[in-house]
Amino acid sequence: MVENEITKILVDIFIKVHTQLGPGLLESVYEEAICYELEKRRLKHKRQQGIAVMYDNLKMDLGFRADIIVEDKVIIEIKSIELLAPVHHKILLTYLKLTNIKVGLLVNFNVNLVKDGIVRIVNNL
């Protein structure tokens, strides 16, 4: 399955989760619901995946964590905040670069329509 197919499925999942739960809950609630939907669809995923930083020959495990990585091809970064800030985009792009993953979805569930809270970030496409 390619990245675009995965992101289409993910957007459908985000809409379903947001429709049922609404805005304003904790990020962990949305993460749990998304992972439940991924399991139902039999999509491989990892939750709270650690991301190491390499500097020269030094591997640093500094506590960076991607919320969800789907099929080792798409990173999901979940937010439930008033407004996304430019730093949220940069953090996801950094995760993409560190993992060599090409596509990430930044999704803010604290909006009236979740489609307005989804941002697609790409790494060297």
PDB file of N, CA and C in Angstrom:
ATOM      1  N   MET A   1       0.850  -1.178   0.000  1.00  0.00           N
ATOM      2  CA  MET A   1       0.000   0.000   0.000  1.00  0.00           C
ATOM      3  C   MET A   1       0.898   1.245   0.000  1.00  0.00           C
ATOM      4  N   VAL A   2       0.595   2.208  -0.855  1.00  0.00           N
ATOM      5  CA  VAL A   2       1.407   3.426  -0.957  1.00  0.00           C
ATOM      6  C   VAL A   2       0.872   4.505  -0.017  1.00  0.00           C
ATOM      7  N   GLU A   3       1.685   5.530   0.172  1.00  0.00           N
ATOM      8  CA  GLU A   3       1.367   6.588   1.120  1.00  0.00           C
ATOM      9  C   GLU A   3       0.011   7.243   0.867  1.00  0.00           C
ATOM     10  N   ASN A   4      -0.306   7.527  -0.391  1.00  0.00           N
ATOM     11  CA  ASN A   4      -1.574   8.199  -0.680  1.00  0.00           C
ATOM     12  C   ASN A   4      -2.782   7.342  -0.316  1.00  0.00           C
ATOM     13  N   GLU A   5      -2.665   6.044  -0.508  1.00  0.00           N
ATOM     14  CA  GLU A   5      -3.752   5.142  -0.105  1.00  0.00           C
ATOM     15  C   GLU A   5      -3.913   5.138   1.416  1.00  0.00           C
ATOM     16  N   ILE A   6      -2.791   5.125   2.105  1.00  0.00           N
ATOM     17  CA  ILE A   6      -2.823   5.137   3.572  1.00  0.00           C
ATOM     18  C   ILE A   6      -3.423   6.438   4.081  1.00  0.00           C
ATOM     19  N   THR A   7      -2.985   7.578   3.520  1.00  0.00           N
ATOM     20  CA  THR A   7      -3.503   8.861   4.015  1.00  0.00           C
ATOM     21  C   THR A   7      -4.998   9.008   3.746  1.00  0.00           C
ATOM     22  N   LYS A   8      -5.479   8.452   2.657  1.00  0.00           N
ATOM     23  CA  LYS A   8      -6.920   8.496   2.388  1.00  0.00           C
ATOM     24  C   LYS A   8      -7.691   7.734   3.470  1.00  0.00           C
ATOM     25  N   ILE A   9      -7.210   6.555   3.807  1.00  0.00           N
ATOM     26  CA  ILE A   9      -7.833   5.765   4.870  1.00  0.00           C
ATOM     27  C   ILE A   9      -7.774   6.527   6.195  1.00  0.00           C
ATOM     28  N   LEU A  10      -6.630   7.148   6.473  1.00  0.00           N
ATOM     29  CA  LEU A  10      -6.466   7.884   7.725  1.00  0.00           C
ATOM     30  C   LEU A  10      -7.431   9.064   7.823  1.00  0.00           C
ATOM     31  N   VAL A  11      -7.592   9.800   6.738  1.00  0.00           N
ATOM     32  CA  VAL A  11      -8.538  10.920   6.758  1.00  0.00           C
ATOM     33  C   VAL A  11      -9.947  10.405   7.054  1.00  0.00           C
ATOM     34  N   ASP A  12     -10.318   9.294   6.453  1.00  0.00           N
ATOM     35  CA  ASP A  12     -11.626   8.695   6.746  1.00  0.00           C
ATOM     36  C   ASP A  12     -11.743   8.327   8.227  1.00  0.00           C
ATOM     37  N   ILE A  13     -10.676   7.781   8.786  1.00  0.00           N
ATOM     38  CA  ILE A  13     -10.667   7.432  10.211  1.00  0.00           C
ATOM     39  C   ILE A  13     -10.795   8.683  11.069  1.00  0.00           C
ATOM     40  N   PHE A  14     -10.041   9.734  10.733  1.00  0.00           N
ATOM     41  CA  PHE A  14     -10.106  10.979  11.508  1.00  0.00           C
ATOM     42  C   PHE A  14     -11.532  11.533  11.521  1.00  0.00           C
ATOM     43  N   ILE A  15     -12.175  11.503  10.364  1.00  0.00           N
ATOM     44  CA  ILE A  15     -13.551  12.013  10.269  1.00  0.00           C
ATOM     45  C   ILE A  15     -14.485  11.166  11.127  1.00  0.00           C
ATOM     46  N   LYS A  16     -14.346   9.856  11.061  1.00  0.00           N
ATOM     47  CA  LYS A  16     -15.199   8.973  11.859  1.00  0.00           C
ATOM     48  C   LYS A  16     -14.997   9.223  13.349  1.00  0.00           C
ATOM     49  N   VAL A  17     -13.743   9.285  13.784  1.00  0.00           N
ATOM     50  CA  VAL A  17     -13.431   9.498  15.200  1.00  0.00           C
ATOM     51  C   VAL A  17     -13.960  10.846  15.663  1.00  0.00           C
ATOM     52  N   HIS A  18     -13.729  11.884  14.878  1.00  0.00           N
ATOM     53  CA  HIS A  18     -14.169  13.224  15.263  1.00  0.00           C
ATOM     54  C   HIS A  18     -15.693  13.315  15.289  1.00  0.00           C
ATOM     55  N   THR A  19     -16.361  12.668  14.347  1.00  0.00           N
ATOM     56  CA  THR A  19     -17.823  12.680  14.311  1.00  0.00           C
ATOM     57  C   THR A  19     -18.395  12.033  15.574  1.00  0.00           C
ATOM     58  N   GLN A  20     -17.776  10.942  16.008  1.00  0.00           N
ATOM     59  CA  GLN A  20     -18.301  10.238  17.182  1.00  0.00           C
ATOM     60  C   GLN A  20     -17.897  10.887  18.502  1.00  0.00           C
ATOM     61  N   LEU A  21     -16.674  11.391  18.585  1.00  0.00           N
ATOM     62  CA  LEU A  21     -16.186  11.920  19.862  1.00  0.00           C
ATOM     63  C   LEU A  21     -16.297  13.432  19.992  1.00  0.00           C
ATOM     64  N   GLY A  22     -16.263  14.143  18.864  1.00  0.00           N
ATOM     65  CA  GLY A  22     -16.310  15.600  18.913  1.00  0.00           C
ATOM     66  C   GLY A  22     -14.966  16.200  19.299  1.00  0.00           C
ATOM     67  N   PRO A  23     -14.906  17.539  19.341  1.00  0.00           N
ATOM     68  CA  PRO A  23     -13.661  18.232  19.683  1.00  0.00           C
ATOM     69  C   PRO A  23     -13.452  18.332  21.193  1.00  0.00           C
ATOM     70  N   GLY A  24     -12.204  18.657  21.565  1.00  0.00           N
ATOM     71  CA  GLY A  24     -11.919  19.069  22.930  1.00  0.00           C
ATOM     72  C   GLY A  24     -11.504  18.002  23.916  1.00  0.00           C
ATOM     73  N   LEU A  25     -11.329  16.756  23.476  1.00  0.00           N
ATOM     74  CA  LEU A  25     -10.872  15.712  24.386  1.00  0.00           C
ATOM     75  C   LEU A  25      -9.341  15.677  24.418  1.00  0.00           C
ATOM     76  N   LEU A  26      -8.805  14.863  25.308  1.00  0.00           N
ATOM     77  CA  LEU A  26      -7.357  14.699  25.372  1.00  0.00           C
ATOM     78  C   LEU A  26      -6.837  13.999  24.117  1.00  0.00           C
ATOM     79  N   GLU A  27      -5.613  14.312  23.746  1.00  0.00           N
ATOM     80  CA  GLU A  27      -4.989  13.688  22.582  1.00  0.00           C
ATOM     81  C   GLU A  27      -4.946  12.168  22.719  1.00  0.00           C
ATOM     82  N   SER A  28      -4.738  11.678  23.928  1.00  0.00           N
ATOM     83  CA  SER A  28      -4.651  10.234  24.157  1.00  0.00           C
ATOM     84  C   SER A  28      -5.965   9.522  23.819  1.00  0.00           C
ATOM     85  N   VAL A  29      -7.089  10.193  23.984  1.00  0.00           N
ATOM     86  CA  VAL A  29      -8.378   9.601  23.636  1.00  0.00           C
ATOM     87  C   VAL A  29      -8.471   9.408  22.128  1.00  0.00           C
ATOM     88  N   TYR A  30      -8.096  10.432  21.377  1.00  0.00           N
ATOM     89  CA  TYR A  30      -8.119  10.323  19.912  1.00  0.00           C
ATOM     90  C   TYR A  30      -7.119   9.268  19.434  1.00  0.00           C
ATOM     91  N   GLU A  31      -5.957   9.216  20.058  1.00  0.00           N
ATOM     92  CA  GLU A  31      -4.950   8.219  19.687  1.00  0.00           C
ATOM     93  C   GLU A  31      -5.502   6.809  19.878  1.00  0.00           C
ATOM     94  N   GLU A  32      -6.144   6.569  20.990  1.00  0.00           N
ATOM     95  CA  GLU A  32      -6.719   5.247  21.262  1.00  0.00           C
ATOM     96  C   GLU A  32      -7.774   4.885  20.223  1.00  0.00           C
ATOM     97  N   ALA A  33      -8.654   5.822  19.907  1.00  0.00           N
ATOM     98  CA  ALA A  33      -9.718   5.567  18.924  1.00  0.00           C
ATOM     99  C   ALA A  33      -9.133   5.326  17.527  1.00  0.00           C
ATOM    100  N   ILE A  34      -8.130   6.103  17.148  1.00  0.00           N
ATOM    101  CA  ILE A  34      -7.495   5.923  15.835  1.00  0.00           C
ATOM    102  C   ILE A  34      -6.847   4.540  15.756  1.00  0.00           C
ATOM    103  N   CYS A  35      -6.139   4.148  16.793  1.00  0.00           N
ATOM    104  CA  CYS A  35      -5.485   2.832  16.792  1.00  0.00           C
ATOM    105  C   CYS A  35      -6.517   1.708  16.745  1.00  0.00           C
ATOM    106  N   TYR A  36      -7.628   1.886  17.407  1.00  0.00           N
ATOM    107  CA  TYR A  36      -8.708   0.899  17.339  1.00  0.00           C
ATOM    108  C   TYR A  36      -9.192   0.740  15.898  1.00  0.00           C
ATOM    109  N   GLU A  37      -9.381   1.873  15.211  1.00  0.00           N
ATOM    110  CA  GLU A  37      -9.822   1.832  13.813  1.00  0.00           C
ATOM    111  C   GLU A  37      -8.758   1.225  12.904  1.00  0.00           C
ATOM    112  N   LEU A  38      -7.490   1.491  13.190  1.00  0.00           N
ATOM    113  CA  LEU A  38      -6.407   0.891  12.403  1.00  0.00           C
ATOM    114  C   LEU A  38      -6.388  -0.624  12.582  1.00  0.00           C
ATOM    115  N   GLU A  39      -6.605  -1.079  13.805  1.00  0.00           N
ATOM    116  CA  GLU A  39      -6.656  -2.514  14.066  1.00  0.00           C
ATOM    117  C   GLU A  39      -7.822  -3.161  13.327  1.00  0.00           C
ATOM    118  N   LYS A  40      -8.979  -2.514  13.326  1.00  0.00           N
ATOM    119  CA  LYS A  40     -10.132  -3.047  12.608  1.00  0.00           C
ATOM    120  C   LYS A  40      -9.830  -3.209  11.120  1.00  0.00           C
ATOM    121  N   ARG A  41      -9.020  -2.308  10.582  1.00  0.00           N
ATOM    122  CA  ARG A  41      -8.671  -2.344   9.158  1.00  0.00           C
ATOM    123  C   ARG A  41      -7.399  -3.158   8.897  1.00  0.00           C
ATOM    124  N   ARG A  42      -6.854  -3.748   9.947  1.00  0.00           N
ATOM    125  CA  ARG A  42      -5.656  -4.582   9.869  1.00  0.00           C
ATOM    126  C   ARG A  42      -4.451  -3.845   9.288  1.00  0.00           C
ATOM    127  N   LEU A  43      -4.323  -2.570   9.652  1.00  0.00           N
ATOM    128  CA  LEU A  43      -3.157  -1.789   9.240  1.00  0.00           C
ATOM    129  C   LEU A  43      -2.112  -1.839  10.356  1.00  0.00           C
ATOM    130  N   LYS A  44      -0.896  -2.180   9.971  1.00  0.00           N
ATOM    131  CA  LYS A  44       0.207  -2.233  10.925  1.00  0.00           C
ATOM    132  C   LYS A  44       0.489  -0.823  11.442  1.00  0.00           C
ATOM    133  N   HIS A  45       0.642  -0.694  12.744  1.00  0.00           N
ATOM    134  CA  HIS A  45       0.935   0.619  13.310  1.00  0.00           C
ATOM    135  C   HIS A  45       1.696   0.478  14.628  1.00  0.00           C
ATOM    136  N   LYS A  46       2.402   1.544  14.958  1.00  0.00           N
ATOM    137  CA  LYS A  46       3.157   1.618  16.208  1.00  0.00           C
ATOM    138  C   LYS A  46       2.734   2.881  16.935  1.00  0.00           C
ATOM    139  N   ARG A  47       2.482   2.752  18.225  1.00  0.00           N
ATOM    140  CA  ARG A  47       2.095   3.898  19.049  1.00  0.00           C
ATOM    141  C   ARG A  47       3.290   4.401  19.852  1.00  0.00           C
ATOM    142  N   GLN A  48       3.367   5.728  19.978  1.00  0.00           N
ATOM    143  CA  GLN A  48       4.403   6.353  20.795  1.00  0.00           C
ATOM    144  C   GLN A  48       5.780   5.776  20.477  1.00  0.00           C
ATOM    145  N   GLN A  49       6.063   5.717  19.195  1.00  0.00           N
ATOM    146  CA  GLN A  49       7.329   5.164  18.702  1.00  0.00           C
ATOM    147  C   GLN A  49       8.469   6.132  18.979  1.00  0.00           C
ATOM    148  N   GLY A  50       9.496   5.636  19.675  1.00  0.00           N
ATOM    149  CA  GLY A  50      10.671   6.457  19.940  1.00  0.00           C
ATOM    150  C   GLY A  50      11.424   6.779  18.665  1.00  0.00           C
ATOM    151  N   ILE A  51      11.962   7.984  18.605  1.00  0.00           N
ATOM    152  CA  ILE A  51      12.742   8.429  17.443  1.00  0.00           C
ATOM    153  C   ILE A  51      14.099   8.900  17.950  1.00  0.00           C
ATOM    154  N   ALA A  52      15.141   8.230  17.500  1.00  0.00           N
ATOM    155  CA  ALA A  52      16.497   8.583  17.909  1.00  0.00           C
ATOM    156  C   ALA A  52      17.047   9.684  17.006  1.00  0.00           C
ATOM    157  N   VAL A  53      17.973  10.424  17.551  1.00  0.00           N
ATOM    158  CA  VAL A  53      18.685  11.455  16.796  1.00  0.00           C
ATOM    159  C   VAL A  53      20.132  11.007  16.669  1.00  0.00           C
ATOM    160  N   MET A  54      20.641  11.050  15.440  1.00  0.00           N
ATOM    161  CA  MET A  54      22.041  10.703  15.214  1.00  0.00           C
ATOM    162  C   MET A  54      22.842  11.994  15.035  1.00  0.00           C
ATOM    163  N   TYR A  55      23.926  12.087  15.776  1.00  0.00           N
ATOM    164  CA  TYR A  55      24.858  13.197  15.621  1.00  0.00           C
ATOM    165  C   TYR A  55      26.241  12.584  15.489  1.00  0.00           C
ATOM    166  N   ASP A  56      26.860  12.806  14.337  1.00  0.00           N
ATOM    167  CA  ASP A  56      28.142  12.173  14.046  1.00  0.00           C
ATOM    168  C   ASP A  56      27.935  10.667  14.191  1.00  0.00           C
ATOM    169  N   ASN A  57      28.596   9.999  15.079  1.00  0.00           N
ATOM    170  CA  ASN A  57      28.361   8.565  15.307  1.00  0.00           C
ATOM    171  C   ASN A  57      27.656   8.309  16.634  1.00  0.00           C
ATOM    172  N   LEU A  58      27.082   9.346  17.204  1.00  0.00           N
ATOM    173  CA  LEU A  58      26.421   9.254  18.503  1.00  0.00           C
ATOM    174  C   LEU A  58      24.914   9.129  18.314  1.00  0.00           C
ATOM    175  N   LYS A  59      24.367   8.051  18.841  1.00  0.00           N
ATOM    176  CA  LYS A  59      22.911   7.868  18.810  1.00  0.00           C
ATOM    177  C   LYS A  59      22.346   8.394  20.125  1.00  0.00           C
ATOM    178  N   MET A  60      21.409   9.356  19.997  1.00  0.00           N
ATOM    179  CA  MET A  60      20.815   9.963  21.183  1.00  0.00           C
ATOM    180  C   MET A  60      19.334   9.598  21.253  1.00  0.00           C
ATOM    181  N   ASP A  61      18.969   8.898  22.315  1.00  0.00           N
ATOM    182  CA  ASP A  61      17.563   8.595  22.572  1.00  0.00           C
ATOM    183  C   ASP A  61      17.055   9.656  23.545  1.00  0.00           C
ATOM    184  N   LEU A  62      16.459  10.696  22.981  1.00  0.00           N
ATOM    185  CA  LEU A  62      16.131  11.880  23.770  1.00  0.00           C
ATOM    186  C   LEU A  62      14.661  11.994  24.153  1.00  0.00           C
ATOM    187  N   GLY A  63      13.879  11.001  23.860  1.00  0.00           N
ATOM    188  CA  GLY A  63      12.480  11.074  24.234  1.00  0.00           C
ATOM    189  C   GLY A  63      11.559  11.604  23.150  1.00  0.00           C
ATOM    190  N   PHE A  64      12.068  11.778  21.921  1.00  0.00           N
ATOM    191  CA  PHE A  64      11.172  12.139  20.824  1.00  0.00           C
ATOM    192  C   PHE A  64      10.285  10.946  20.543  1.00  0.00           C
ATOM    193  N   ARG A  65       8.982  11.191  20.394  1.00  0.00           N
ATOM    194  CA  ARG A  65       8.031  10.102  20.149  1.00  0.00           C
ATOM    195  C   ARG A  65       7.010  10.514  19.112  1.00  0.00           C
ATOM    196  N   ALA A  66       6.897   9.695  18.082  1.00  0.00           N
ATOM    197  CA  ALA A  66       5.831   9.893  17.101  1.00  0.00           C
ATOM    198  C   ALA A  66       4.565   9.282  17.691  1.00  0.00           C
ATOM    199  N   ASP A  67       3.438   9.988  17.582  1.00  0.00           N
ATOM    200  CA  ASP A  67       2.192   9.474  18.149  1.00  0.00           C
ATOM    201  C   ASP A  67       1.845   8.118  17.542  1.00  0.00           C
ATOM    202  N   ILE A  68       1.761   8.055  16.215  1.00  0.00           N
ATOM    203  CA  ILE A  68       1.444   6.804  15.526  1.00  0.00           C
ATOM    204  C   ILE A  68       2.214   6.760  14.206  1.00  0.00           C
ATOM    205  N   ILE A  69       2.803   5.614  13.909  1.00  0.00           N
ATOM    206  CA  ILE A  69       3.404   5.376  12.596  1.00  0.00           C
ATOM    207  C   ILE A  69       2.628   4.237  11.953  1.00  0.00           C
ATOM    208  N   VAL A  70       2.091   4.474  10.758  1.00  0.00           N
ATOM    209  CA  VAL A  70       1.243   3.508  10.066  1.00  0.00           C
ATOM    210  C   VAL A  70       2.007   2.877   8.904  1.00  0.00           C
ATOM    211  N   GLU A  71       2.063   1.548   8.910  1.00  0.00           N
ATOM    212  CA  GLU A  71       2.699   0.774   7.833  1.00  0.00           C
ATOM    213  C   GLU A  71       4.136   1.224   7.555  1.00  0.00           C
ATOM    214  N   ASP A  72       4.789   1.823   8.520  1.00  0.00           N
ATOM    215  CA  ASP A  72       6.149   2.356   8.369  1.00  0.00           C
ATOM    216  C   ASP A  72       6.256   3.363   7.228  1.00  0.00           C
ATOM    217  N   LYS A  73       5.119   4.001   6.877  1.00  0.00           N
ATOM    218  CA  LYS A  73       5.107   4.922   5.745  1.00  0.00           C
ATOM    219  C   LYS A  73       4.486   6.279   6.047  1.00  0.00           C
ATOM    220  N   VAL A  74       3.694   6.389   7.106  1.00  0.00           N
ATOM    221  CA  VAL A  74       3.025   7.657   7.421  1.00  0.00           C
ATOM    222  C   VAL A  74       3.082   7.877   8.926  1.00  0.00           C
ATOM    223  N   ILE A  75       3.496   9.077   9.316  1.00  0.00           N
ATOM    224  CA  ILE A  75       3.483   9.455  10.734  1.00  0.00           C
ATOM    225  C   ILE A  75       2.250  10.313  10.993  1.00  0.00           C
ATOM    226  N   ILE A  76       1.551  10.001  12.075  1.00  0.00           N
ATOM    227  CA  ILE A  76       0.415  10.815  12.516  1.00  0.00           C
ATOM    228  C   ILE A  76       0.839  11.535  13.788  1.00  0.00           C
ATOM    229  N   GLU A  77       0.686  12.831  13.787  1.00  0.00           N
ATOM    230  CA  GLU A  77       0.924  13.643  14.983  1.00  0.00           C
ATOM    231  C   GLU A  77      -0.417  14.238  15.390  1.00  0.00           C
ATOM    232  N   ILE A  78      -0.892  13.892  16.576  1.00  0.00           N
ATOM    233  CA  ILE A  78      -2.219  14.262  17.046  1.00  0.00           C
ATOM    234  C   ILE A  78      -2.135  15.456  17.984  1.00  0.00           C
ATOM    235  N   LYS A  79      -3.031  16.410  17.764  1.00  0.00           N
ATOM    236  CA  LYS A  79      -3.154  17.571  18.641  1.00  0.00           C
ATOM    237  C   LYS A  79      -4.622  17.784  18.982  1.00  0.00           C
ATOM    238  N   SER A  80      -4.856  18.407  20.119  1.00  0.00           N
ATOM    239  CA  SER A  80      -6.184  18.853  20.506  1.00  0.00           C
ATOM    240  C   SER A  80      -5.999  20.202  21.187  1.00  0.00           C
ATOM    241  N   ILE A  81      -5.731  21.201  20.346  1.00  0.00           N
ATOM    242  CA  ILE A  81      -5.357  22.532  20.840  1.00  0.00           C
ATOM    243  C   ILE A  81      -6.149  23.605  20.094  1.00  0.00           C
ATOM    244  N   GLU A  82      -6.076  24.823  20.608  1.00  0.00           N
ATOM    245  CA  GLU A  82      -6.816  25.931  20.007  1.00  0.00           C
ATOM    246  C   GLU A  82      -6.404  26.165  18.553  1.00  0.00           C
ATOM    247  N   LEU A  83      -5.097  26.313  18.335  1.00  0.00           N
ATOM    248  CA  LEU A  83      -4.572  26.556  16.987  1.00  0.00           C
ATOM    249  C   LEU A  83      -3.242  25.847  16.815  1.00  0.00           C
ATOM    250  N   LEU A  84      -3.032  25.288  15.628  1.00  0.00           N
ATOM    251  CA  LEU A  84      -1.717  24.735  15.307  1.00  0.00           C
ATOM    252  C   LEU A  84      -0.745  25.890  15.103  1.00  0.00           C
ATOM    253  N   ALA A  85       0.454  25.725  15.614  1.00  0.00           N
ATOM    254  CA  ALA A  85       1.504  26.736  15.462  1.00  0.00           C
ATOM    255  C   ALA A  85       2.525  26.239  14.443  1.00  0.00           C
ATOM    256  N   PRO A  86       3.290  27.136  13.845  1.00  0.00           N
ATOM    257  CA  PRO A  86       4.324  26.714  12.903  1.00  0.00           C
ATOM    258  C   PRO A  86       5.283  25.668  13.483  1.00  0.00           C
ATOM    259  N   VAL A  87       5.529  25.709  14.779  1.00  0.00           N
ATOM    260  CA  VAL A  87       6.435  24.745  15.397  1.00  0.00           C
ATOM    261  C   VAL A  87       5.890  23.316  15.287  1.00  0.00           C
ATOM    262  N   HIS A  88       4.581  23.139  15.288  1.00  0.00           N
ATOM    263  CA  HIS A  88       4.007  21.795  15.149  1.00  0.00           C
ATOM    264  C   HIS A  88       4.330  21.209  13.779  1.00  0.00           C
ATOM    265  N   HIS A  89       4.283  22.039  12.746  1.00  0.00           N
ATOM    266  CA  HIS A  89       4.651  21.604  11.397  1.00  0.00           C
ATOM    267  C   HIS A  89       6.131  21.210  11.355  1.00  0.00           C
ATOM    268  N   LYS A  90       6.971  22.024  11.990  1.00  0.00           N
ATOM    269  CA  LYS A  90       8.411  21.770  11.981  1.00  0.00           C
ATOM    270  C   LYS A  90       8.767  20.501  12.744  1.00  0.00           C
ATOM    271  N   ILE A  91       8.082  20.255  13.852  1.00  0.00           N
ATOM    272  CA  ILE A  91       8.347  19.042  14.626  1.00  0.00           C
ATOM    273  C   ILE A  91       8.037  17.804  13.789  1.00  0.00           C
ATOM    274  N   LEU A  92       6.880  17.804  13.130  1.00  0.00           N
ATOM    275  CA  LEU A  92       6.518  16.650  12.304  1.00  0.00           C
ATOM    276  C   LEU A  92       7.507  16.477  11.155  1.00  0.00           C
ATOM    277  N   LEU A  93       7.913  17.563  10.522  1.00  0.00           N
ATOM    278  CA  LEU A  93       8.900  17.467   9.441  1.00  0.00           C
ATOM    279  C   LEU A  93      10.221  16.890   9.968  1.00  0.00           C
ATOM    280  N   THR A  94      10.624  17.292  11.151  1.00  0.00           N
ATOM    281  CA  THR A  94      11.838  16.743  11.760  1.00  0.00           C
ATOM    282  C   THR A  94      11.694  15.246  11.998  1.00  0.00           C
ATOM    283  N   TYR A  95      10.543  14.804  12.508  1.00  0.00           N
ATOM    284  CA  TYR A  95      10.304  13.368  12.693  1.00  0.00           C
ATOM    285  C   TYR A  95      10.407  12.624  11.365  1.00  0.00           C
ATOM    286  N   LEU A  96       9.848  13.212  10.318  1.00  0.00           N
ATOM    287  CA  LEU A  96       9.918  12.590   8.999  1.00  0.00           C
ATOM    288  C   LEU A  96      11.371  12.444   8.553  1.00  0.00           C
ATOM    289  N   LYS A  97      12.147  13.492   8.732  1.00  0.00           N
ATOM    290  CA  LYS A  97      13.553  13.450   8.325  1.00  0.00           C
ATOM    291  C   LYS A  97      14.347  12.425   9.127  1.00  0.00           C
ATOM    292  N   LEU A  98      14.103  12.376  10.444  1.00  0.00           N
ATOM    293  CA  LEU A  98      14.850  11.453  11.298  1.00  0.00           C
ATOM    294  C   LEU A  98      14.513   9.993  11.014  1.00  0.00           C
ATOM    295  N   THR A  99      13.316   9.725  10.538  1.00  0.00           N
ATOM    296  CA  THR A  99      12.877   8.345  10.281  1.00  0.00           C
ATOM    297  C   THR A  99      12.947   7.964   8.804  1.00  0.00           C
ATOM    298  N   ASN A 100      13.256   8.938   7.940  1.00  0.00           N
ATOM    299  CA  ASN A 100      13.240   8.731   6.486  1.00  0.00           C
ATOM    300  C   ASN A 100      11.866   8.320   5.967  1.00  0.00           C
ATOM    301  N   ILE A 101      10.830   8.748   6.660  1.00  0.00           N
ATOM    302  CA  ILE A 101       9.459   8.532   6.201  1.00  0.00           C
ATOM    303  C   ILE A 101       9.073   9.745   5.363  1.00  0.00           C
ATOM    304  N   LYS A 102       8.313   9.515   4.309  1.00  0.00           N
ATOM    305  CA  LYS A 102       8.023  10.564   3.328  1.00  0.00           C
ATOM    306  C   LYS A 102       6.806  11.431   3.656  1.00  0.00           C
ATOM    307  N   VAL A 103       5.797  10.898   4.373  1.00  0.00           N
ATOM    308  CA  VAL A 103       4.537  11.625   4.562  1.00  0.00           C
ATOM    309  C   VAL A 103       4.125  11.605   6.027  1.00  0.00           C
ATOM    310  N   GLY A 104       3.636  12.747   6.478  1.00  0.00           N
ATOM    311  CA  GLY A 104       3.079  12.849   7.822  1.00  0.00           C
ATOM    312  C   GLY A 104       1.774  13.609   7.794  1.00  0.00           C
ATOM    313  N   LEU A 105       0.898  13.276   8.722  1.00  0.00           N
ATOM    314  CA  LEU A 105      -0.362  14.000   8.889  1.00  0.00           C
ATOM    315  C   LEU A 105      -0.394  14.591  10.288  1.00  0.00           C
ATOM    316  N   LEU A 106      -0.537  15.893  10.337  1.00  0.00           N
ATOM    317  CA  LEU A 106      -0.715  16.626  11.579  1.00  0.00           C
ATOM    318  C   LEU A 106      -2.206  16.889  11.691  1.00  0.00           C
ATOM    319  N   VAL A 107      -2.835  16.388  12.741  1.00  0.00           N
ATOM    320  CA  VAL A 107      -4.287  16.527  12.849  1.00  0.00           C
ATOM    321  C   VAL A 107      -4.655  17.133  14.199  1.00  0.00           C
ATOM    322  N   ASN A 108      -5.414  18.230  14.123  1.00  0.00           N
ATOM    323  CA  ASN A 108      -5.922  18.906  15.314  1.00  0.00           C
ATOM    324  C   ASN A 108      -7.399  18.572  15.460  1.00  0.00           C
ATOM    325  N   PHE A 109      -7.743  17.860  16.528  1.00  0.00           N
ATOM    326  CA  PHE A 109      -9.122  17.451  16.748  1.00  0.00           C
ATOM    327  C   PHE A 109      -9.949  18.519  17.455  1.00  0.00           C
ATOM    328  N   ASN A 110      -9.343  19.608  17.863  1.00  0.00           N
ATOM    329  CA  ASN A 110     -10.080  20.660  18.562  1.00  0.00           C
ATOM    330  C   ASN A 110     -10.604  21.712  17.574  1.00  0.00           C
ATOM    331  N   VAL A 111     -11.326  21.236  16.575  1.00  0.00           N
ATOM    332  CA  VAL A 111     -11.924  22.092  15.547  1.00  0.00           C
ATOM    333  C   VAL A 111     -13.355  21.618  15.306  1.00  0.00           C
ATOM    334  N   ASN A 112     -14.170  22.478  14.685  1.00  0.00           N
ATOM    335  CA  ASN A 112     -15.545  22.082  14.393  1.00  0.00           C
ATOM    336  C   ASN A 112     -15.613  21.005  13.310  1.00  0.00           C
ATOM    337  N   LEU A 113     -14.820  21.176  12.256  1.00  0.00           N
ATOM    338  CA  LEU A 113     -14.733  20.189  11.178  1.00  0.00           C
ATOM    339  C   LEU A 113     -13.292  19.682  11.123  1.00  0.00           C
ATOM    340  N   VAL A 114     -13.104  18.393  11.348  1.00  0.00           N
ATOM    341  CA  VAL A 114     -11.747  17.870  11.437  1.00  0.00           C
ATOM    342  C   VAL A 114     -10.978  18.053  10.130  1.00  0.00           C
ATOM    343  N   LYS A 115     -11.677  18.085   8.988  1.00  0.00           N
ATOM    344  CA  LYS A 115     -10.963  18.297   7.720  1.00  0.00           C
ATOM    345  C   LYS A 115     -10.218  19.624   7.721  1.00  0.00           C
ATOM    346  N   ASP A 116     -10.685  20.584   8.514  1.00  0.00           N
ATOM    347  CA  ASP A 116      -9.997  21.873   8.633  1.00  0.00           C
ATOM    348  C   ASP A 116      -8.773  21.784   9.548  1.00  0.00           C
ATOM    349  N   GLY A 117      -8.649  20.687  10.289  1.00  0.00           N
ATOM    350  CA  GLY A 117      -7.535  20.523  11.212  1.00  0.00           C
ATOM    351  C   GLY A 117      -6.458  19.579  10.726  1.00  0.00           C
ATOM    352  N   ILE A 118      -6.552  19.120   9.475  1.00  0.00           N
ATOM    353  CA  ILE A 118      -5.580  18.157   8.938  1.00  0.00           C
ATOM    354  C   ILE A 118      -4.580  18.866   8.028  1.00  0.00           C
ATOM    355  N   VAL A 119      -3.305  18.653   8.314  1.00  0.00           N
ATOM    356  CA  VAL A 119      -2.230  19.205   7.486  1.00  0.00           C
ATOM    357  C   VAL A 119      -1.338  18.049   7.039  1.00  0.00           C
ATOM    358  N   ARG A 120      -1.089  17.983   5.741  1.00  0.00           N
ATOM    359  CA  ARG A 120      -0.202  16.954   5.180  1.00  0.00           C
ATOM    360  C   ARG A 120       1.180  17.566   5.030  1.00  0.00           C
ATOM    361  N   ILE A 121       2.169  16.892   5.601  1.00  0.00           N
ATOM    362  CA  ILE A 121       3.568  17.343   5.535  1.00  0.00           C
ATOM    363  C   ILE A 121       4.351  16.283   4.772  1.00  0.00           C
ATOM    364  N   VAL A 122       5.197  16.713   3.842  1.00  0.00           N
ATOM    365  CA  VAL A 122       5.996  15.762   3.078  1.00  0.00           C
ATOM    366  C   VAL A 122       7.486  16.021   3.288  1.00  0.00           C
ATOM    367  N   ASN A 123       8.245  14.946   3.155  1.00  0.00           N
ATOM    368  CA  ASN A 123       9.691  14.985   3.324  1.00  0.00           C
ATOM    369  C   ASN A 123      10.340  14.610   1.991  1.00  0.00           C
ATOM    370  N   ASN A 124      10.886  15.579   1.292  1.00  0.00           N
ATOM    371  CA  ASN A 124      11.642  15.354   0.052  1.00  0.00           C
ATOM    372  C   ASN A 124      10.848  14.641  -1.037  1.00  0.00           C
ATOM    373  N   LEU A 125       9.636  15.039  -1.271  1.00  0.00           N
ATOM    374  CA  LEU A 125       8.859  14.465  -2.378  1.00  0.00           C
ATOM    375  C   LEU A 125       8.876  15.409  -3.547  1.00  0.00           C
TER     376      LEU A 125
END
